[in-house]
Amino acid sequence: KMYSDRDDVNSAYIEEDADGITFWINRNESSFYGAENMHTVDATIDGNLDVSGEKNRIVKTGYGDIKMAAYETASPMFGDVGSGTIGADGLCYVTLDSIFSETVNAGCEYQVFLQAYGPGNIYVSDRTPAFFIAAGQPGQRFGWEIKAKQRGYEQNRFDCRRDRLKARDSVDYAAEGAEYYKKYMEGLII
């Protein structure tokens, strides 16, 4: 059992027993009864989440609930997809979605992948923070995908989790607990 105060509406409570794991967050109960039967509430994590096992989204289909995996990259990136048609001048200006632009740093080099829908060559002739230009034969239809670094995480690449674990494992929780208890007994903590 781990809890700060089971009856406090602003606390968390976690209990493990033979039935699984039950937890309350702000009095919203959520229970885990094995890997196949999970009931949950929305959760927001304000910090890092490291997962060593699977990380999937459950999608209901005619075949039952299926697990869909996320596409993982070496650097934190977001992507968008769309389609276009080359104009009479041999160009197609593709403007980056304004919401997407707020989530990425398009000032950093981003990648665009093009797929021609039909015969003909198509290529990216320019990339700017606001748009990219696809060039090819007039009337050529195409699909595109953009991948750009997440805003605020531009320098992250293969973040080494071990450094955080070493820092966490170097904390002397017994000493911290003893100090907390001492202050509590002295009336400094209520």
N, C-alpha and C. Protein backbone atom coordinates (compact mmCIF):
# COMPACT_ATOMS: atom_id res chain seq x y z
N LYS A 1 0.84 -1.19 0.00
CA LYS A 1 0.00 0.00 0.00
C LYS A 1 0.88 1.24 0.00
N MET A 2 0.45 2.23 -0.76
CA MET A 2 1.13 3.51 -0.76
C MET A 2 0.06 4.58 -0.88
N TYR A 3 0.02 5.50 0.04
CA TYR A 3 -0.94 6.58 -0.07
C TYR A 3 -0.50 7.74 0.79
N SER A 4 -0.94 8.93 0.40
CA SER A 4 -0.66 10.08 1.24
C SER A 4 -1.82 10.25 2.22
N ASP A 5 -3.05 10.12 1.77
CA ASP A 5 -4.22 10.13 2.65
C ASP A 5 -5.41 9.66 1.82
N ARG A 6 -5.88 8.47 2.11
CA ARG A 6 -6.95 7.86 1.30
C ARG A 6 -8.20 8.73 1.27
N ASP A 7 -8.46 9.51 2.32
CA ASP A 7 -9.68 10.32 2.39
C ASP A 7 -9.49 11.75 1.89
N ASP A 8 -8.28 12.13 1.56
CA ASP A 8 -8.00 13.48 1.06
C ASP A 8 -8.28 13.53 -0.43
N VAL A 9 -9.15 14.48 -0.86
CA VAL A 9 -9.53 14.55 -2.28
C VAL A 9 -8.36 14.94 -3.17
N ASN A 10 -7.31 15.50 -2.62
CA ASN A 10 -6.17 15.92 -3.42
C ASN A 10 -5.00 14.97 -3.32
N SER A 11 -5.24 13.75 -2.89
CA SER A 11 -4.12 12.82 -2.72
C SER A 11 -4.26 11.63 -3.65
N ALA A 12 -3.24 10.81 -3.62
CA ALA A 12 -3.23 9.58 -4.40
C ALA A 12 -3.13 8.40 -3.45
N TYR A 13 -3.75 7.30 -3.84
CA TYR A 13 -3.75 6.10 -3.02
C TYR A 13 -3.54 4.92 -3.95
N ILE A 14 -2.59 4.07 -3.65
CA ILE A 14 -2.32 2.89 -4.47
C ILE A 14 -2.31 1.67 -3.56
N GLU A 15 -3.01 0.62 -3.98
CA GLU A 15 -3.07 -0.60 -3.20
C GLU A 15 -2.96 -1.79 -4.14
N GLU A 16 -2.11 -2.74 -3.80
CA GLU A 16 -1.98 -3.96 -4.58
C GLU A 16 -2.46 -5.12 -3.72
N ASP A 17 -3.30 -5.96 -4.31
CA ASP A 17 -3.75 -7.16 -3.62
C ASP A 17 -3.88 -8.28 -4.65
N ALA A 18 -4.51 -9.38 -4.27
CA ALA A 18 -4.63 -10.53 -5.17
C ALA A 18 -5.43 -10.21 -6.43
N ASP A 19 -6.30 -9.19 -6.37
CA ASP A 19 -7.13 -8.83 -7.52
C ASP A 19 -6.42 -7.94 -8.52
N GLY A 20 -5.32 -7.33 -8.14
CA GLY A 20 -4.61 -6.43 -9.04
C GLY A 20 -4.18 -5.18 -8.31
N ILE A 21 -4.11 -4.09 -9.02
CA ILE A 21 -3.69 -2.81 -8.47
C ILE A 21 -4.86 -1.85 -8.55
N THR A 22 -5.16 -1.19 -7.46
CA THR A 22 -6.21 -0.18 -7.43
C THR A 22 -5.57 1.14 -7.04
N PHE A 23 -5.96 2.19 -7.73
CA PHE A 23 -5.46 3.49 -7.31
C PHE A 23 -6.54 4.55 -7.43
N TRP A 24 -6.44 5.55 -6.57
CA TRP A 24 -7.32 6.69 -6.59
C TRP A 24 -6.46 7.91 -6.81
N ILE A 25 -6.90 8.78 -7.68
CA ILE A 25 -6.25 10.07 -7.86
C ILE A 25 -7.37 11.10 -7.78
N ASN A 26 -7.31 11.98 -6.81
CA ASN A 26 -8.38 12.95 -6.59
C ASN A 26 -9.73 12.27 -6.50
N ARG A 27 -9.77 11.13 -5.79
CA ARG A 27 -10.97 10.33 -5.53
C ARG A 27 -11.55 9.65 -6.76
N ASN A 28 -10.89 9.70 -7.88
CA ASN A 28 -11.33 8.93 -9.04
C ASN A 28 -10.68 7.57 -8.94
N GLU A 29 -11.47 6.52 -8.85
CA GLU A 29 -10.92 5.18 -8.68
C GLU A 29 -10.60 4.58 -10.03
N SER A 30 -9.51 3.88 -10.09
CA SER A 30 -9.12 3.16 -11.28
C SER A 30 -8.50 1.85 -10.85
N SER A 31 -8.88 0.77 -11.49
CA SER A 31 -8.38 -0.54 -11.08
C SER A 31 -7.76 -1.26 -12.26
N PHE A 32 -6.71 -2.02 -11.99
CA PHE A 32 -6.06 -2.85 -12.98
C PHE A 32 -6.23 -4.29 -12.54
N TYR A 33 -6.88 -5.10 -13.35
CA TYR A 33 -7.05 -6.51 -13.03
C TYR A 33 -6.41 -7.33 -14.13
N GLY A 34 -5.13 -7.38 -14.16
CA GLY A 34 -4.42 -8.13 -15.19
C GLY A 34 -4.29 -7.33 -16.47
N ALA A 35 -3.55 -7.89 -17.40
CA ALA A 35 -3.22 -7.16 -18.63
C ALA A 35 -4.40 -7.03 -19.58
N GLU A 36 -5.39 -7.91 -19.50
CA GLU A 36 -6.47 -7.90 -20.48
C GLU A 36 -7.71 -7.13 -20.04
N ASN A 37 -7.84 -6.81 -18.76
CA ASN A 37 -9.04 -6.15 -18.27
C ASN A 37 -8.63 -4.94 -17.45
N MET A 38 -8.58 -3.78 -18.10
CA MET A 38 -8.11 -2.59 -17.42
C MET A 38 -9.17 -1.50 -17.53
N HIS A 39 -9.48 -0.88 -16.41
CA HIS A 39 -10.39 0.25 -16.36
C HIS A 39 -9.60 1.42 -15.83
N THR A 40 -9.73 2.56 -16.47
CA THR A 40 -8.88 3.67 -16.07
C THR A 40 -9.59 5.00 -16.24
N VAL A 41 -9.03 6.01 -15.64
CA VAL A 41 -9.49 7.38 -15.79
C VAL A 41 -8.42 8.13 -16.56
N ASP A 42 -8.74 9.34 -17.00
CA ASP A 42 -7.73 10.15 -17.66
C ASP A 42 -6.60 10.44 -16.68
N ALA A 43 -5.40 10.49 -17.18
CA ALA A 43 -4.25 10.78 -16.33
C ALA A 43 -3.36 11.79 -17.03
N THR A 44 -2.86 12.73 -16.29
CA THR A 44 -1.90 13.70 -16.80
C THR A 44 -0.64 13.56 -15.97
N ILE A 45 0.48 13.44 -16.63
CA ILE A 45 1.75 13.32 -15.95
C ILE A 45 2.54 14.58 -16.24
N ASP A 46 2.85 15.32 -15.19
CA ASP A 46 3.61 16.55 -15.35
C ASP A 46 5.06 16.22 -15.00
N GLY A 47 5.75 15.66 -15.96
CA GLY A 47 7.12 15.20 -15.75
C GLY A 47 7.45 14.14 -16.77
N ASN A 48 8.47 13.37 -16.51
CA ASN A 48 8.91 12.34 -17.45
C ASN A 48 8.20 11.02 -17.19
N LEU A 49 8.00 10.26 -18.24
CA LEU A 49 7.44 8.92 -18.14
C LEU A 49 8.35 8.00 -18.94
N ASP A 50 9.00 7.08 -18.28
CA ASP A 50 9.87 6.12 -18.95
C ASP A 50 9.17 4.77 -18.91
N VAL A 51 9.14 4.10 -20.04
CA VAL A 51 8.46 2.82 -20.15
C VAL A 51 9.45 1.79 -20.68
N SER A 52 9.60 0.68 -19.96
CA SER A 52 10.51 -0.36 -20.46
C SER A 52 9.74 -1.44 -21.20
N GLY A 53 8.43 -1.48 -21.01
CA GLY A 53 7.61 -2.47 -21.71
C GLY A 53 6.88 -1.82 -22.88
N GLU A 54 5.74 -2.38 -23.24
CA GLU A 54 4.97 -1.86 -24.36
C GLU A 54 4.30 -0.54 -24.00
N LYS A 55 4.05 0.28 -25.02
CA LYS A 55 3.35 1.55 -24.88
C LYS A 55 2.40 1.61 -26.06
N ASN A 56 1.15 1.25 -25.85
CA ASN A 56 0.20 1.12 -26.95
C ASN A 56 -1.07 1.91 -26.71
N ARG A 57 -1.80 2.14 -27.79
CA ARG A 57 -3.15 2.70 -27.73
C ARG A 57 -4.10 1.58 -28.09
N ILE A 58 -5.15 1.39 -27.32
CA ILE A 58 -6.14 0.35 -27.61
C ILE A 58 -7.18 0.94 -28.55
N VAL A 59 -7.43 0.26 -29.67
CA VAL A 59 -8.42 0.70 -30.66
C VAL A 59 -9.46 -0.38 -30.82
N LYS A 60 -10.73 0.00 -30.67
CA LYS A 60 -11.82 -0.96 -30.83
C LYS A 60 -12.05 -1.20 -32.32
N THR A 61 -12.08 -2.47 -32.74
CA THR A 61 -12.33 -2.83 -34.13
C THR A 61 -13.32 -3.98 -34.17
N GLY A 62 -13.73 -4.35 -35.37
CA GLY A 62 -14.59 -5.51 -35.55
C GLY A 62 -13.90 -6.80 -35.15
N TYR A 63 -12.59 -6.77 -35.02
CA TYR A 63 -11.81 -7.93 -34.60
C TYR A 63 -11.56 -7.92 -33.09
N GLY A 64 -12.14 -6.96 -32.40
CA GLY A 64 -11.91 -6.80 -30.97
C GLY A 64 -10.99 -5.62 -30.71
N ASP A 65 -10.60 -5.46 -29.46
CA ASP A 65 -9.66 -4.40 -29.10
C ASP A 65 -8.27 -4.80 -29.56
N ILE A 66 -7.63 -3.92 -30.34
CA ILE A 66 -6.28 -4.21 -30.81
C ILE A 66 -5.32 -3.15 -30.29
N LYS A 67 -4.06 -3.53 -30.14
CA LYS A 67 -3.03 -2.60 -29.68
C LYS A 67 -2.34 -1.99 -30.90
N MET A 68 -2.28 -0.67 -30.92
CA MET A 68 -1.56 0.05 -31.96
C MET A 68 -0.34 0.70 -31.31
N ALA A 69 0.82 0.46 -31.88
CA ALA A 69 2.07 0.98 -31.32
C ALA A 69 2.38 2.36 -31.89
N ALA A 70 3.09 3.15 -31.11
CA ALA A 70 3.53 4.47 -31.54
C ALA A 70 4.82 4.33 -32.34
N TYR A 71 5.00 5.21 -33.31
CA TYR A 71 6.23 5.26 -34.08
C TYR A 71 7.26 6.01 -33.26
N GLU A 72 8.37 5.37 -32.93
CA GLU A 72 9.40 5.97 -32.07
C GLU A 72 10.58 6.43 -32.92
N THR A 73 11.15 7.58 -32.56
CA THR A 73 12.29 8.13 -33.28
C THR A 73 13.43 8.42 -32.31
N ALA A 74 14.63 8.61 -32.84
CA ALA A 74 15.81 8.88 -32.02
C ALA A 74 15.75 10.26 -31.36
N SER A 75 15.05 11.19 -31.98
CA SER A 75 14.85 12.53 -31.44
C SER A 75 13.36 12.76 -31.28
N PRO A 76 12.93 13.55 -30.28
CA PRO A 76 11.50 13.83 -30.13
C PRO A 76 10.98 14.62 -31.33
N MET A 77 10.10 14.02 -32.09
CA MET A 77 9.57 14.65 -33.30
C MET A 77 8.05 14.54 -33.35
N PHE A 78 7.45 15.47 -34.07
CA PHE A 78 6.04 15.38 -34.41
C PHE A 78 5.94 15.35 -35.92
N GLY A 79 4.84 14.85 -36.45
CA GLY A 79 4.67 14.76 -37.89
C GLY A 79 3.29 15.17 -38.33
N ASP A 80 3.17 15.41 -39.62
CA ASP A 80 1.88 15.73 -40.24
C ASP A 80 1.92 15.15 -41.65
N VAL A 81 0.76 14.88 -42.20
CA VAL A 81 0.67 14.33 -43.56
C VAL A 81 -0.40 15.08 -44.33
N GLY A 82 -0.28 15.03 -45.64
CA GLY A 82 -1.27 15.67 -46.50
C GLY A 82 -1.03 15.31 -47.94
N SER A 83 -1.71 16.02 -48.83
CA SER A 83 -1.55 15.78 -50.26
C SER A 83 -1.65 17.10 -51.00
N GLY A 84 -1.22 17.10 -52.24
CA GLY A 84 -1.26 18.31 -53.05
C GLY A 84 -1.20 17.99 -54.52
N THR A 85 -1.24 19.05 -55.33
CA THR A 85 -1.14 18.93 -56.79
C THR A 85 -0.20 20.02 -57.28
N ILE A 86 0.74 19.65 -58.13
CA ILE A 86 1.68 20.61 -58.70
C ILE A 86 0.92 21.57 -59.62
N GLY A 87 1.18 22.88 -59.45
CA GLY A 87 0.51 23.91 -60.24
C GLY A 87 1.08 24.04 -61.64
N ALA A 88 0.48 24.94 -62.42
CA ALA A 88 0.88 25.16 -63.81
C ALA A 88 2.33 25.64 -63.91
N ASP A 89 2.83 26.28 -62.85
CA ASP A 89 4.22 26.76 -62.85
C ASP A 89 5.22 25.69 -62.42
N GLY A 90 4.72 24.46 -62.17
CA GLY A 90 5.60 23.36 -61.76
C GLY A 90 5.89 23.33 -60.27
N LEU A 91 5.16 24.14 -59.49
CA LEU A 91 5.39 24.22 -58.05
C LEU A 91 4.11 24.03 -57.26
N CYS A 92 4.26 23.60 -56.02
CA CYS A 92 3.15 23.54 -55.07
C CYS A 92 3.69 24.00 -53.72
N TYR A 93 3.16 25.11 -53.21
CA TYR A 93 3.54 25.63 -51.91
C TYR A 93 2.66 24.96 -50.86
N VAL A 94 3.28 24.26 -49.94
CA VAL A 94 2.54 23.58 -48.87
C VAL A 94 2.82 24.34 -47.57
N THR A 95 1.80 25.02 -47.07
CA THR A 95 1.92 25.79 -45.84
C THR A 95 1.78 24.86 -44.64
N LEU A 96 2.67 25.01 -43.67
CA LEU A 96 2.60 24.20 -42.46
C LEU A 96 1.38 24.64 -41.64
N ASP A 97 0.64 23.67 -41.13
CA ASP A 97 -0.53 23.94 -40.30
C ASP A 97 -0.11 24.81 -39.12
N SER A 98 -0.90 25.85 -38.81
CA SER A 98 -0.52 26.78 -37.74
C SER A 98 -0.45 26.11 -36.37
N ILE A 99 -1.35 25.18 -36.09
CA ILE A 99 -1.30 24.47 -34.81
C ILE A 99 -0.06 23.58 -34.75
N PHE A 100 0.19 22.85 -35.83
CA PHE A 100 1.39 22.01 -35.90
C PHE A 100 2.64 22.86 -35.71
N SER A 101 2.68 24.03 -36.34
CA SER A 101 3.85 24.91 -36.25
C SER A 101 4.16 25.34 -34.83
N GLU A 102 3.12 25.45 -33.98
CA GLU A 102 3.36 25.84 -32.59
C GLU A 102 3.95 24.71 -31.77
N THR A 103 3.87 23.47 -32.25
CA THR A 103 4.37 22.32 -31.48
C THR A 103 5.78 21.92 -31.88
N VAL A 104 6.27 22.44 -33.00
CA VAL A 104 7.59 22.06 -33.50
C VAL A 104 8.45 23.30 -33.70
N ASN A 105 9.73 23.08 -33.90
CA ASN A 105 10.63 24.16 -34.25
C ASN A 105 10.97 24.01 -35.73
N ALA A 106 10.16 24.62 -36.57
CA ALA A 106 10.37 24.51 -38.02
C ALA A 106 11.57 25.32 -38.47
N GLY A 107 12.16 26.10 -37.56
CA GLY A 107 13.40 26.80 -37.87
C GLY A 107 14.58 25.85 -37.91
N CYS A 108 14.45 24.72 -37.22
CA CYS A 108 15.46 23.66 -37.33
C CYS A 108 15.18 22.91 -38.63
N GLU A 109 16.18 22.26 -39.14
CA GLU A 109 15.96 21.48 -40.36
C GLU A 109 14.91 20.40 -40.11
N TYR A 110 13.88 20.39 -40.92
CA TYR A 110 12.86 19.34 -40.83
C TYR A 110 12.90 18.52 -42.11
N GLN A 111 12.26 17.37 -42.07
CA GLN A 111 12.29 16.46 -43.22
C GLN A 111 10.92 16.39 -43.87
N VAL A 112 10.91 16.34 -45.19
CA VAL A 112 9.68 16.18 -45.97
C VAL A 112 9.87 14.99 -46.90
N PHE A 113 8.89 14.11 -46.90
CA PHE A 113 8.91 12.93 -47.76
C PHE A 113 7.75 13.04 -48.73
N LEU A 114 8.03 12.89 -50.01
CA LEU A 114 7.01 13.01 -51.06
C LEU A 114 6.78 11.67 -51.74
N GLN A 115 5.54 11.45 -52.15
CA GLN A 115 5.17 10.25 -52.91
C GLN A 115 4.32 10.69 -54.09
N ALA A 116 4.82 10.47 -55.31
CA ALA A 116 4.06 10.82 -56.51
C ALA A 116 2.92 9.83 -56.70
N TYR A 117 1.74 10.36 -57.05
CA TYR A 117 0.59 9.52 -57.37
C TYR A 117 0.44 9.52 -58.89
N GLY A 118 1.24 8.69 -59.52
CA GLY A 118 1.25 8.61 -60.97
C GLY A 118 2.65 8.82 -61.50
N PRO A 119 2.83 8.68 -62.82
CA PRO A 119 4.17 8.83 -63.40
C PRO A 119 4.67 10.26 -63.28
N GLY A 120 5.97 10.41 -63.17
CA GLY A 120 6.59 11.72 -63.09
C GLY A 120 7.46 11.86 -61.86
N ASN A 121 8.40 12.79 -61.96
CA ASN A 121 9.32 13.06 -60.85
C ASN A 121 8.78 14.21 -60.01
N ILE A 122 9.02 14.12 -58.73
CA ILE A 122 8.61 15.18 -57.80
C ILE A 122 9.70 15.30 -56.74
N TYR A 123 9.98 16.51 -56.29
CA TYR A 123 11.01 16.70 -55.29
C TYR A 123 10.71 17.96 -54.47
N VAL A 124 11.39 18.08 -53.32
CA VAL A 124 11.26 19.27 -52.47
C VAL A 124 12.30 20.27 -52.95
N SER A 125 11.85 21.44 -53.41
CA SER A 125 12.80 22.43 -53.91
C SER A 125 13.20 23.45 -52.85
N ASP A 126 12.41 23.59 -51.76
CA ASP A 126 12.77 24.53 -50.71
C ASP A 126 11.98 24.20 -49.43
N ARG A 127 12.59 24.51 -48.28
CA ARG A 127 11.94 24.35 -46.98
C ARG A 127 12.15 25.64 -46.19
N THR A 128 11.08 26.21 -45.67
CA THR A 128 11.15 27.40 -44.83
C THR A 128 10.40 27.09 -43.53
N PRO A 129 10.51 27.96 -42.51
CA PRO A 129 9.75 27.72 -41.28
C PRO A 129 8.23 27.75 -41.47
N ALA A 130 7.75 28.38 -42.55
CA ALA A 130 6.31 28.52 -42.75
C ALA A 130 5.74 27.58 -43.81
N PHE A 131 6.57 27.12 -44.74
CA PHE A 131 6.07 26.28 -45.84
C PHE A 131 7.23 25.54 -46.49
N PHE A 132 6.88 24.56 -47.32
CA PHE A 132 7.88 23.94 -48.19
C PHE A 132 7.31 23.94 -49.60
N ILE A 133 8.20 23.78 -50.57
CA ILE A 133 7.79 23.81 -51.97
C ILE A 133 8.09 22.46 -52.60
N ALA A 134 7.06 21.86 -53.17
CA ALA A 134 7.22 20.63 -53.96
C ALA A 134 7.26 21.05 -55.42
N ALA A 135 8.17 20.45 -56.17
CA ALA A 135 8.31 20.79 -57.59
C ALA A 135 8.18 19.53 -58.43
N GLY A 136 7.61 19.69 -59.62
CA GLY A 136 7.43 18.55 -60.52
C GLY A 136 6.65 18.97 -61.75
N GLN A 137 6.08 18.00 -62.41
CA GLN A 137 5.31 18.27 -63.63
C GLN A 137 3.94 18.84 -63.28
N PRO A 138 3.50 19.89 -63.99
CA PRO A 138 2.18 20.46 -63.72
C PRO A 138 1.09 19.38 -63.72
N GLY A 139 0.20 19.48 -62.74
CA GLY A 139 -0.89 18.53 -62.61
C GLY A 139 -0.54 17.27 -61.83
N GLN A 140 0.74 17.07 -61.50
CA GLN A 140 1.16 15.88 -60.76
C GLN A 140 0.56 15.90 -59.36
N ARG A 141 -0.15 14.86 -59.01
CA ARG A 141 -0.70 14.71 -57.66
C ARG A 141 0.34 13.99 -56.80
N PHE A 142 0.35 14.32 -55.49
CA PHE A 142 1.33 13.70 -54.61
C PHE A 142 0.84 13.71 -53.16
N GLY A 143 1.46 12.87 -52.37
CA GLY A 143 1.26 12.87 -50.93
C GLY A 143 2.54 13.32 -50.26
N TRP A 144 2.43 13.88 -49.07
CA TRP A 144 3.61 14.33 -48.35
C TRP A 144 3.51 13.99 -46.87
N GLU A 145 4.69 13.87 -46.26
CA GLU A 145 4.79 13.69 -44.81
C GLU A 145 5.93 14.57 -44.33
N ILE A 146 5.70 15.29 -43.24
CA ILE A 146 6.74 16.12 -42.64
C ILE A 146 7.05 15.58 -41.25
N LYS A 147 8.32 15.62 -40.88
CA LYS A 147 8.77 15.27 -39.53
C LYS A 147 9.65 16.42 -39.06
N ALA A 148 9.29 16.98 -37.89
CA ALA A 148 10.03 18.12 -37.35
C ALA A 148 10.27 17.91 -35.86
N LYS A 149 11.35 18.49 -35.36
CA LYS A 149 11.70 18.34 -33.95
C LYS A 149 10.70 19.09 -33.07
N GLN A 150 10.34 18.46 -31.96
CA GLN A 150 9.41 19.06 -31.02
C GLN A 150 10.01 20.32 -30.41
N ARG A 151 9.20 21.36 -30.32
CA ARG A 151 9.65 22.63 -29.75
C ARG A 151 10.08 22.40 -28.29
N GLY A 152 11.26 22.90 -27.95
CA GLY A 152 11.78 22.77 -26.59
C GLY A 152 12.63 21.53 -26.38
N TYR A 153 12.64 20.63 -27.37
CA TYR A 153 13.41 19.39 -27.24
C TYR A 153 14.33 19.18 -28.45
N GLU A 154 14.71 20.26 -29.09
CA GLU A 154 15.47 20.20 -30.33
C GLU A 154 16.82 19.50 -30.19
N GLN A 155 17.43 19.60 -29.02
CA GLN A 155 18.77 19.03 -28.83
C GLN A 155 18.75 17.60 -28.30
N ASN A 156 17.58 17.10 -27.95
CA ASN A 156 17.50 15.74 -27.40
C ASN A 156 17.68 14.71 -28.50
N ARG A 157 18.52 13.73 -28.24
CA ARG A 157 18.71 12.61 -29.15
C ARG A 157 19.24 11.45 -28.33
N PHE A 158 18.57 10.33 -28.40
CA PHE A 158 18.95 9.15 -27.61
C PHE A 158 19.24 9.54 -26.16
N ASP A 159 18.29 10.22 -25.51
CA ASP A 159 18.43 10.61 -24.11
C ASP A 159 18.80 9.38 -23.29
N CYS A 160 19.86 9.49 -22.54
CA CYS A 160 20.35 8.35 -21.77
C CYS A 160 19.63 8.28 -20.43
N ARG A 161 18.72 7.37 -20.30
CA ARG A 161 17.91 7.19 -19.10
C ARG A 161 18.77 6.82 -17.90
N ARG A 162 19.89 6.17 -18.12
CA ARG A 162 20.74 5.73 -17.02
C ARG A 162 21.21 6.88 -16.15
N ASP A 163 21.45 8.05 -16.75
CA ASP A 163 21.89 9.20 -15.96
C ASP A 163 20.83 9.61 -14.95
N ARG A 164 19.57 9.61 -15.36
CA ARG A 164 18.49 9.95 -14.43
C ARG A 164 18.36 8.89 -13.36
N LEU A 165 18.50 7.62 -13.74
CA LEU A 165 18.39 6.54 -12.76
C LEU A 165 19.51 6.62 -11.73
N LYS A 166 20.73 6.94 -12.19
CA LYS A 166 21.85 7.07 -11.25
C LYS A 166 21.57 8.19 -10.26
N ALA A 167 21.05 9.32 -10.75
CA ALA A 167 20.74 10.44 -9.87
C ALA A 167 19.65 10.03 -8.87
N ARG A 168 18.63 9.33 -9.35
CA ARG A 168 17.55 8.88 -8.46
C ARG A 168 18.07 7.89 -7.44
N ASP A 169 18.89 6.94 -7.88
CA ASP A 169 19.38 5.90 -6.99
C ASP A 169 20.40 6.42 -5.99
N SER A 170 20.98 7.60 -6.23
CA SER A 170 21.96 8.14 -5.31
C SER A 170 21.31 8.86 -4.13
N VAL A 171 19.99 9.03 -4.15
CA VAL A 171 19.28 9.68 -3.05
C VAL A 171 19.21 8.73 -1.87
N ASP A 172 19.52 9.24 -0.70
CA ASP A 172 19.45 8.45 0.53
C ASP A 172 18.08 8.68 1.16
N TYR A 173 17.12 7.84 0.76
CA TYR A 173 15.75 8.02 1.23
C TYR A 173 15.62 7.79 2.73
N ALA A 174 16.42 6.91 3.29
CA ALA A 174 16.38 6.67 4.74
C ALA A 174 16.77 7.94 5.48
N ALA A 175 17.82 8.61 5.03
CA ALA A 175 18.26 9.85 5.68
C ALA A 175 17.22 10.94 5.51
N GLU A 176 16.63 11.04 4.31
CA GLU A 176 15.59 12.04 4.08
C GLU A 176 14.38 11.78 4.97
N GLY A 177 14.00 10.50 5.10
CA GLY A 177 12.88 10.13 5.96
C GLY A 177 13.16 10.45 7.41
N ALA A 178 14.36 10.16 7.87
CA ALA A 178 14.74 10.45 9.25
C ALA A 178 14.71 11.95 9.51
N GLU A 179 15.19 12.74 8.56
CA GLU A 179 15.18 14.20 8.70
C GLU A 179 13.74 14.73 8.74
N TYR A 180 12.89 14.18 7.87
CA TYR A 180 11.49 14.58 7.85
C TYR A 180 10.83 14.26 9.19
N TYR A 181 11.07 13.05 9.70
CA TYR A 181 10.48 12.62 10.97
C TYR A 181 10.96 13.53 12.11
N LYS A 182 12.24 13.88 12.10
CA LYS A 182 12.80 14.75 13.14
C LYS A 182 12.10 16.11 13.12
N LYS A 183 11.93 16.69 11.93
CA LYS A 183 11.26 17.99 11.82
C LYS A 183 9.79 17.88 12.23
N TYR A 184 9.18 16.77 11.88
CA TYR A 184 7.78 16.53 12.26
C TYR A 184 7.65 16.49 13.78
N MET A 185 8.54 15.76 14.42
CA MET A 185 8.49 15.62 15.87
C MET A 185 8.80 16.95 16.57
N GLU A 186 9.59 17.79 15.93
CA GLU A 186 9.92 19.10 16.50
C GLU A 186 8.81 20.12 16.23
N GLY A 187 7.78 19.70 15.50
CA GLY A 187 6.65 20.59 15.21
C GLY A 187 6.89 21.53 14.06
N LEU A 188 7.96 21.32 13.29
CA LEU A 188 8.24 22.19 12.15
C LEU A 188 7.39 21.83 10.94
N ILE A 189 6.89 20.60 10.92
CA ILE A 189 6.05 20.14 9.82
C ILE A 189 4.72 19.71 10.41
N ILE A 190 3.65 20.22 9.86
CA ILE A 190 2.31 19.87 10.38
C ILE A 190 1.64 18.91 9.43
